[in-house]
PDB file of N, CA and C in Angstrom:
ATOM      1  N   MET A   1      -6.971  24.874  22.465  1.00  0.00           N
ATOM      2  CA  MET A   1      -6.609  23.507  23.119  1.00  0.00           C
ATOM      3  C   MET A   1      -5.877  23.380  21.543  1.00  0.00           C
ATOM      4  N   ASP A   2      -5.132  22.203  20.673  1.00  0.00           N
ATOM      5  CA  ASP A   2      -4.492  22.135  19.913  1.00  0.00           C
ATOM      6  C   ASP A   2      -4.968  20.837  19.540  1.00  0.00           C
ATOM      7  N   VAL A   3      -5.876  20.728  18.226  1.00  0.00           N
ATOM      8  CA  VAL A   3      -6.809  19.407  18.156  1.00  0.00           C
ATOM      9  C   VAL A   3      -5.796  18.387  17.865  1.00  0.00           C
ATOM     10  N   HIS A   4      -4.406  18.791  16.917  1.00  0.00           N
ATOM     11  CA  HIS A   4      -3.779  17.439  16.554  1.00  0.00           C
ATOM     12  C   HIS A   4      -2.762  17.283  18.506  1.00  0.00           C
ATOM     13  N   THR A   5      -2.826  18.010  19.371  1.00  0.00           N
ATOM     14  CA  THR A   5      -2.572  17.137  20.539  1.00  0.00           C
ATOM     15  C   THR A   5      -3.251  16.651  21.457  1.00  0.00           C
ATOM     16  N   LEU A   6      -4.356  16.215  21.312  1.00  0.00           N
ATOM     17  CA  LEU A   6      -5.157  15.686  22.316  1.00  0.00           C
ATOM     18  C   LEU A   6      -4.561  14.291  23.018  1.00  0.00           C
ATOM     19  N   PRO A   7      -4.983  14.009  24.384  1.00  0.00           N
ATOM     20  CA  PRO A   7      -4.167  13.039  24.739  1.00  0.00           C
ATOM     21  C   PRO A   7      -4.484  11.784  24.486  1.00  0.00           C
ATOM     22  N   LYS A   8      -3.630  10.577  24.620  1.00  0.00           N
ATOM     23  CA  LYS A   8      -4.337   9.283  23.880  1.00  0.00           C
ATOM     24  C   LYS A   8      -4.941   8.815  24.932  1.00  0.00           C
ATOM     25  N   ARG A   9      -4.488   9.431  26.176  1.00  0.00           N
ATOM     26  CA  ARG A   9      -5.239   8.298  27.208  1.00  0.00           C
ATOM     27  C   ARG A   9      -5.278   9.910  28.269  1.00  0.00           C
ATOM     28  N   PRO A  10      -6.270  10.196  28.765  1.00  0.00           N
ATOM     29  CA  PRO A  10      -6.456  11.333  29.007  1.00  0.00           C
ATOM     30  C   PRO A  10      -6.097  11.400  31.161  1.00  0.00           C
ATOM     31  N   ILE A  11      -5.160  12.090  31.096  1.00  0.00           N
ATOM     32  CA  ILE A  11      -5.401  12.054  32.662  1.00  0.00           C
ATOM     33  C   ILE A  11      -6.411  12.342  33.568  1.00  0.00           C
ATOM     34  N   ASN A  12      -7.158  13.768  32.949  1.00  0.00           N
ATOM     35  CA  ASN A  12      -8.175  13.847  34.096  1.00  0.00           C
ATOM     36  C   ASN A  12      -9.798  13.433  32.884  1.00  0.00           C
ATOM     37  N   LEU A  13     -10.344  13.119  32.669  1.00  0.00           N
ATOM     38  CA  LEU A  13     -11.752  13.073  31.374  1.00  0.00           C
ATOM     39  C   LEU A  13     -12.537  14.021  31.866  1.00  0.00           C
ATOM     40  N   LEU A  14     -12.715  15.126  32.770  1.00  0.00           N
ATOM     41  CA  LEU A  14     -13.222  15.915  32.936  1.00  0.00           C
ATOM     42  C   LEU A  14     -12.787  16.810  32.323  1.00  0.00           C
ATOM     43  N   THR A  15     -12.135  17.125  32.731  1.00  0.00           N
ATOM     44  CA  THR A  15     -10.889  18.480  32.045  1.00  0.00           C
ATOM     45  C   THR A  15     -10.491  18.275  30.579  1.00  0.00           C
ATOM     46  N   THR A  16     -10.724  17.039  29.939  1.00  0.00           N
ATOM     47  CA  THR A  16     -10.313  16.733  28.877  1.00  0.00           C
ATOM     48  C   THR A  16     -11.624  17.053  27.887  1.00  0.00           C
ATOM     49  N   LEU A  17     -12.830  16.897  28.616  1.00  0.00           N
ATOM     50  CA  LEU A  17     -14.281  16.847  27.817  1.00  0.00           C
ATOM     51  C   LEU A  17     -14.362  18.255  28.155  1.00  0.00           C
ATOM     52  N   SER A  18     -14.388  18.988  28.779  1.00  0.00           N
ATOM     53  CA  SER A  18     -14.624  20.697  29.013  1.00  0.00           C
ATOM     54  C   SER A  18     -13.621  21.319  27.804  1.00  0.00           C
ATOM     55  N   GLU A  19     -12.418  20.843  27.309  1.00  0.00           N
ATOM     56  CA  GLU A  19     -12.051  21.090  26.750  1.00  0.00           C
ATOM     57  C   GLU A  19     -12.458  21.138  25.355  1.00  0.00           C
ATOM     58  N   VAL A  20     -12.667  19.282  25.002  1.00  0.00           N
ATOM     59  CA  VAL A  20     -13.537  19.331  23.784  1.00  0.00           C
ATOM     60  C   VAL A  20     -14.855  20.327  23.444  1.00  0.00           C
ATOM     61  N   GLU A  21     -15.760  20.157  24.482  1.00  0.00           N
ATOM     62  CA  GLU A  21     -16.917  21.058  24.518  1.00  0.00           C
ATOM     63  C   GLU A  21     -16.193  22.432  24.618  1.00  0.00           C
ATOM     64  N   ASN A  22     -15.284  22.829  24.276  1.00  0.00           N
ATOM     65  CA  ASN A  22     -14.655  25.018  24.240  1.00  0.00           C
ATOM     66  C   ASN A  22     -14.685  25.373  22.731  1.00  0.00           C
ATOM     67  N   LEU A  23     -14.469  24.195  22.078  1.00  0.00           N
ATOM     68  CA  LEU A  23     -13.517  23.798  20.526  1.00  0.00           C
ATOM     69  C   LEU A  23     -14.257  25.159  19.896  1.00  0.00           C
ATOM     70  N   THR A  24     -13.508  25.423  18.902  1.00  0.00           N
ATOM     71  CA  THR A  24     -14.319  26.365  17.886  1.00  0.00           C
ATOM     72  C   THR A  24     -14.775  25.463  16.894  1.00  0.00           C
ATOM     73  N   PRO A  25     -15.493  26.058  16.046  1.00  0.00           N
ATOM     74  CA  PRO A  25     -16.001  25.529  14.906  1.00  0.00           C
ATOM     75  C   PRO A  25     -14.832  24.415  14.296  1.00  0.00           C
ATOM     76  N   ASP A  26     -13.925  25.506  13.872  1.00  0.00           N
ATOM     77  CA  ASP A  26     -13.384  25.075  13.145  1.00  0.00           C
ATOM     78  C   ASP A  26     -12.272  23.695  13.663  1.00  0.00           C
ATOM     79  N   GLU A  27     -11.983  23.995  14.679  1.00  0.00           N
ATOM     80  CA  GLU A  27     -11.247  22.843  15.331  1.00  0.00           C
ATOM     81  C   GLU A  27     -11.995  21.939  15.803  1.00  0.00           C
ATOM     82  N   GLY A  28     -13.202  21.657  15.549  1.00  0.00           N
ATOM     83  CA  GLY A  28     -14.604  20.768  16.085  1.00  0.00           C
ATOM     84  C   GLY A  28     -13.990  20.081  14.525  1.00  0.00           C
ATOM     85  N   GLN A  29     -14.591  20.587  13.526  1.00  0.00           N
ATOM     86  CA  GLN A  29     -14.596  19.935  12.351  1.00  0.00           C
ATOM     87  C   GLN A  29     -12.881  19.606  11.751  1.00  0.00           C
ATOM     88  N   ARG A  30     -11.784  19.876  12.428  1.00  0.00           N
ATOM     89  CA  ARG A  30     -10.542  20.039  12.219  1.00  0.00           C
ATOM     90  C   ARG A  30     -10.626  18.144  12.616  1.00  0.00           C
ATOM     91  N   LEU A  31     -11.133  18.254  13.949  1.00  0.00           N
ATOM     92  CA  LEU A  31     -10.911  16.953  14.586  1.00  0.00           C
ATOM     93  C   LEU A  31     -12.025  16.181  14.111  1.00  0.00           C
ATOM     94  N   HIS A  32     -12.909  16.631  13.777  1.00  0.00           N
ATOM     95  CA  HIS A  32     -13.854  14.995  13.502  1.00  0.00           C
ATOM     96  C   HIS A  32     -12.909  14.807  12.253  1.00  0.00           C
ATOM     97  N   LYS A  33     -12.423  15.205  11.252  1.00  0.00           N
ATOM     98  CA  LYS A  33     -11.849  15.266   9.863  1.00  0.00           C
ATOM     99  C   LYS A  33     -11.083  13.923  10.299  1.00  0.00           C
ATOM    100  N   LYS A  34     -10.700  14.349  10.987  1.00  0.00           N
ATOM    101  CA  LYS A  34      -8.673  13.529  11.404  1.00  0.00           C
ATOM    102  C   LYS A  34      -9.372  12.131  11.855  1.00  0.00           C
ATOM    103  N   ALA A  35     -10.388  12.369  13.152  1.00  0.00           N
ATOM    104  CA  ALA A  35     -10.977  11.078  13.481  1.00  0.00           C
ATOM    105  C   ALA A  35     -11.474  10.230  12.984  1.00  0.00           C
ATOM    106  N   GLN A  36     -12.656  10.693  11.444  1.00  0.00           N
ATOM    107  CA  GLN A  36     -12.834  10.011  10.502  1.00  0.00           C
ATOM    108  C   GLN A  36     -12.023   9.532   9.405  1.00  0.00           C
ATOM    109  N   ALA A  37     -10.414  10.268   9.313  1.00  0.00           N
ATOM    110  CA  ALA A  37      -9.439   9.350   8.302  1.00  0.00           C
ATOM    111  C   ALA A  37      -8.842   8.833   8.951  1.00  0.00           C
ATOM    112  N   ILE A  38      -8.325   8.226  10.545  1.00  0.00           N
ATOM    113  CA  ILE A  38      -8.395   7.482  11.448  1.00  0.00           C
ATOM    114  C   ILE A  38      -9.444   6.323  11.267  1.00  0.00           C
ATOM    115  N   ILE A  39     -10.744   6.213  11.341  1.00  0.00           N
ATOM    116  CA  ILE A  39     -11.953   4.862  11.428  1.00  0.00           C
ATOM    117  C   ILE A  39     -11.061   4.453  10.117  1.00  0.00           C
ATOM    118  N   GLU A  40     -11.525   5.286   9.404  1.00  0.00           N
ATOM    119  CA  GLU A  40     -11.612   4.676   7.548  1.00  0.00           C
ATOM    120  C   GLU A  40     -10.354   4.663   7.174  1.00  0.00           C
ATOM    121  N   GLU A  41      -9.743   4.932   8.175  1.00  0.00           N
ATOM    122  CA  GLU A  41      -7.954   3.811   7.640  1.00  0.00           C
ATOM    123  C   GLU A  41      -7.560   2.809   8.463  1.00  0.00           C
ATOM    124  N   LYS A  42      -7.917   2.385   9.810  1.00  0.00           N
ATOM    125  CA  LYS A  42      -7.733   1.129  10.738  1.00  0.00           C
ATOM    126  C   LYS A  42      -9.020   0.258  10.828  1.00  0.00           C
ATOM    127  N   TYR A  43      -9.645   0.950  10.348  1.00  0.00           N
ATOM    128  CA  TYR A  43     -11.137   0.143  10.862  1.00  0.00           C
ATOM    129  C   TYR A  43     -11.810  -0.752   9.584  1.00  0.00           C
ATOM    130  N   THR A  44     -10.940  -0.749   8.457  1.00  0.00           N
ATOM    131  CA  THR A  44     -11.485  -2.176   7.275  1.00  0.00           C
ATOM    132  C   THR A  44     -11.081  -2.904   7.728  1.00  0.00           C
ATOM    133  N   TRP A  45     -11.811  -4.120   6.846  1.00  0.00           N
ATOM    134  CA  TRP A  45     -12.052  -5.346   6.584  1.00  0.00           C
ATOM    135  C   TRP A  45     -10.173  -5.910   6.148  1.00  0.00           C
ATOM    136  N   GLU A  46      -9.997  -4.969   4.573  1.00  0.00           N
ATOM    137  CA  GLU A  46      -8.707  -5.335   4.690  1.00  0.00           C
ATOM    138  C   GLU A  46      -7.438  -5.146   5.986  1.00  0.00           C
ATOM    139  N   HIS A  47      -7.892  -3.711   6.249  1.00  0.00           N
ATOM    140  CA  HIS A  47      -6.834  -3.532   7.521  1.00  0.00           C
ATOM    141  C   HIS A  47      -6.837  -4.321   8.780  1.00  0.00           C
ATOM    142  N   ILE A  48      -8.042  -5.066   9.072  1.00  0.00           N
ATOM    143  CA  ILE A  48      -8.116  -6.060  10.180  1.00  0.00           C
ATOM    144  C   ILE A  48      -8.123  -7.644   9.924  1.00  0.00           C
ATOM    145  N   CYS A  49      -7.944  -8.083   8.366  1.00  0.00           N
ATOM    146  CA  CYS A  49      -7.480  -9.217   7.782  1.00  0.00           C
ATOM    147  C   CYS A  49      -6.163  -9.039   8.208  1.00  0.00           C
ATOM    148  N   ALA A  50      -5.377  -8.089   7.482  1.00  0.00           N
ATOM    149  CA  ALA A  50      -3.694  -7.789   7.579  1.00  0.00           C
ATOM    150  C   ALA A  50      -3.487  -7.906   9.300  1.00  0.00           C
ATOM    151  N   GLN A  51      -4.185  -7.212   9.788  1.00  0.00           N
ATOM    152  CA  GLN A  51      -3.744  -7.299  11.700  1.00  0.00           C
ATOM    153  C   GLN A  51      -3.462  -9.117  11.957  1.00  0.00           C
ATOM    154  N   TYR A  52      -4.510 -10.083  11.899  1.00  0.00           N
ATOM    155  CA  TYR A  52      -5.083 -11.407  11.995  1.00  0.00           C
ATOM    156  C   TYR A  52      -3.812 -12.110  10.880  1.00  0.00           C
ATOM    157  N   GLU A  53      -3.267 -11.733   9.980  1.00  0.00           N
ATOM    158  CA  GLU A  53      -2.604 -12.471   9.285  1.00  0.00           C
ATOM    159  C   GLU A  53      -0.810 -12.069   9.827  1.00  0.00           C
ATOM    160  N   ASP A  54      -1.181 -11.009  10.133  1.00  0.00           N
ATOM    161  CA  ASP A  54       0.380 -10.696  10.818  1.00  0.00           C
ATOM    162  C   ASP A  54       0.345 -11.775  11.812  1.00  0.00           C
ATOM    163  N   LEU A  55      -0.068 -11.758  12.819  1.00  0.00           N
ATOM    164  CA  LEU A  55      -0.564 -12.624  13.656  1.00  0.00           C
ATOM    165  C   LEU A  55      -0.553 -13.783  13.966  1.00  0.00           C
ATOM    166  N   PHE A  56      -1.557 -14.700  13.037  1.00  0.00           N
ATOM    167  CA  PHE A  56      -1.322 -15.693  12.957  1.00  0.00           C
ATOM    168  C   PHE A  56      -0.309 -16.632  11.947  1.00  0.00           C
ATOM    169  N   ALA A  57       0.346 -16.198  11.325  1.00  0.00           N
ATOM    170  CA  ALA A  57       0.941 -16.591   9.803  1.00  0.00           C
ATOM    171  C   ALA A  57       2.136 -16.795  10.245  1.00  0.00           C
ATOM    172  N   PRO A  58       2.795 -16.518  11.620  1.00  0.00           N
ATOM    173  CA  PRO A  58       4.559 -16.578  11.586  1.00  0.00           C
ATOM    174  C   PRO A  58       4.323 -18.153  12.650  1.00  0.00           C
ATOM    175  N   LYS A  59       2.775 -18.753  13.011  1.00  0.00           N
ATOM    176  CA  LYS A  59       2.809 -19.647  13.764  1.00  0.00           C
ATOM    177  C   LYS A  59       2.349 -20.777  12.904  1.00  0.00           C
ATOM    178  N   PHE A  60       2.329 -20.734  11.618  1.00  0.00           N
ATOM    179  CA  PHE A  60       1.874 -21.580  10.303  1.00  0.00           C
ATOM    180  C   PHE A  60       3.224 -21.465   9.345  1.00  0.00           C
ATOM    181  N   THR A  61       3.798 -20.589   9.697  1.00  0.00           N
ATOM    182  CA  THR A  61       4.812 -20.540   8.239  1.00  0.00           C
ATOM    183  C   THR A  61       5.477 -21.704   8.473  1.00  0.00           C
ATOM    184  N   ASP A  62       6.528 -22.208   9.393  1.00  0.00           N
ATOM    185  CA  ASP A  62       7.139 -23.377   9.245  1.00  0.00           C
ATOM    186  C   ASP A  62       6.936 -24.595  10.252  1.00  0.00           C
ATOM    187  N   SER A  63       5.591 -24.813  10.075  1.00  0.00           N
ATOM    188  CA  SER A  63       5.380 -25.955  10.940  1.00  0.00           C
ATOM    189  C   SER A  63       4.498 -26.759  10.180  1.00  0.00           C
ATOM    190  N   GLU A  64       5.449 -28.060  10.508  1.00  0.00           N
ATOM    191  CA  GLU A  64       5.058 -29.569  10.330  1.00  0.00           C
ATOM    192  C   GLU A  64       3.872 -30.224   9.282  1.00  0.00           C
ATOM    193  N   PRO A  65       2.541 -30.076   9.672  1.00  0.00           N
ATOM    194  CA  PRO A  65       1.544 -30.153   9.528  1.00  0.00           C
ATOM    195  C   PRO A  65       1.386 -29.231   8.171  1.00  0.00           C
ATOM    196  N   LEU A  66       1.723 -27.944   8.372  1.00  0.00           N
ATOM    197  CA  LEU A  66       1.244 -26.916   7.210  1.00  0.00           C
ATOM    198  C   LEU A  66       2.319 -27.792   6.075  1.00  0.00           C
ATOM    199  N   ARG A  67       3.125 -28.036   6.272  1.00  0.00           N
ATOM    200  CA  ARG A  67       4.011 -28.863   4.941  1.00  0.00           C
ATOM    201  C   ARG A  67       3.430 -30.075   4.429  1.00  0.00           C
ATOM    202  N   LYS A  68       2.992 -30.846   5.606  1.00  0.00           N
ATOM    203  CA  LYS A  68       1.871 -31.809   5.280  1.00  0.00           C
ATOM    204  C   LYS A  68       0.885 -31.733   3.958  1.00  0.00           C
ATOM    205  N   MET A  69       0.099 -30.717   4.675  1.00  0.00           N
ATOM    206  CA  MET A  69      -1.101 -29.931   3.997  1.00  0.00           C
ATOM    207  C   MET A  69      -0.812 -29.467   2.415  1.00  0.00           C
ATOM    208  N   GLU A  70       0.221 -28.645   2.454  1.00  0.00           N
ATOM    209  CA  GLU A  70       0.830 -28.294   1.332  1.00  0.00           C
ATOM    210  C   GLU A  70       1.190 -29.659   0.399  1.00  0.00           C
ATOM    211  N   ASN A  71       1.873 -30.494   0.557  1.00  0.00           N
ATOM    212  CA  ASN A  71       2.577 -31.632   0.206  1.00  0.00           C
ATOM    213  C   ASN A  71       1.079 -32.067  -0.636  1.00  0.00           C
ATOM    214  N   LEU A  72       0.197 -32.670   0.387  1.00  0.00           N
ATOM    215  CA  LEU A  72      -1.153 -33.449  -0.008  1.00  0.00           C
ATOM    216  C   LEU A  72      -1.659 -32.533  -0.987  1.00  0.00           C
ATOM    217  N   ALA A  73      -1.657 -31.320  -0.692  1.00  0.00           N
ATOM    218  CA  ALA A  73      -1.942 -30.193  -2.048  1.00  0.00           C
ATOM    219  C   ALA A  73      -1.795 -30.593  -3.140  1.00  0.00           C
ATOM    220  N   ARG A  74      -0.403 -30.913  -2.991  1.00  0.00           N
ATOM    221  CA  ARG A  74       0.217 -30.816  -4.351  1.00  0.00           C
ATOM    222  C   ARG A  74      -0.044 -32.248  -4.738  1.00  0.00           C
ATOM    223  N   GLY A  75      -0.508 -33.205  -4.180  1.00  0.00           N
ATOM    224  CA  GLY A  75      -0.745 -34.694  -4.713  1.00  0.00           C
ATOM    225  C   GLY A  75       0.219 -35.796  -4.277  1.00  0.00           C
ATOM    226  N   GLY A  76       0.871 -34.874  -3.271  1.00  0.00           N
ATOM    227  CA  GLY A  76       2.081 -35.750  -2.698  1.00  0.00           C
ATOM    228  C   GLY A  76       1.793 -36.471  -1.766  1.00  0.00           C
ATOM    229  N   ASP A  77       2.692 -36.823  -0.843  1.00  0.00           N
ATOM    230  CA  ASP A  77       1.663 -37.905   0.045  1.00  0.00           C
ATOM    231  C   ASP A  77       2.152 -37.596   1.455  1.00  0.00           C
ATOM    232  N   GLU A  78       1.666 -37.918   2.700  1.00  0.00           N
ATOM    233  CA  GLU A  78       1.884 -37.249   3.982  1.00  0.00           C
ATOM    234  C   GLU A  78       3.406 -36.821   4.496  1.00  0.00           C
ATOM    235  N   SER A  79       4.383 -37.501   3.822  1.00  0.00           N
ATOM    236  CA  SER A  79       5.717 -37.454   4.629  1.00  0.00           C
ATOM    237  C   SER A  79       6.300 -36.026   4.203  1.00  0.00           C
TER     238      SER A  79
END
């Protein structure tokens, strides 16, 4: 089995687990390193916060309440 072509959503979990159990030590090590790199890249606080910013920023970018808050923060009034 090629460790670079593991299915993202296995059709048959039992078959996939059996294939993983039969990996050579080198294949297992390569798969481990690849998984670790993915975890280190996608599950950092920096990455998670960026995802939240992407999710919520569009909702507040052009909003009237945000403009009022920014105006007040600059010493202006609520208009």
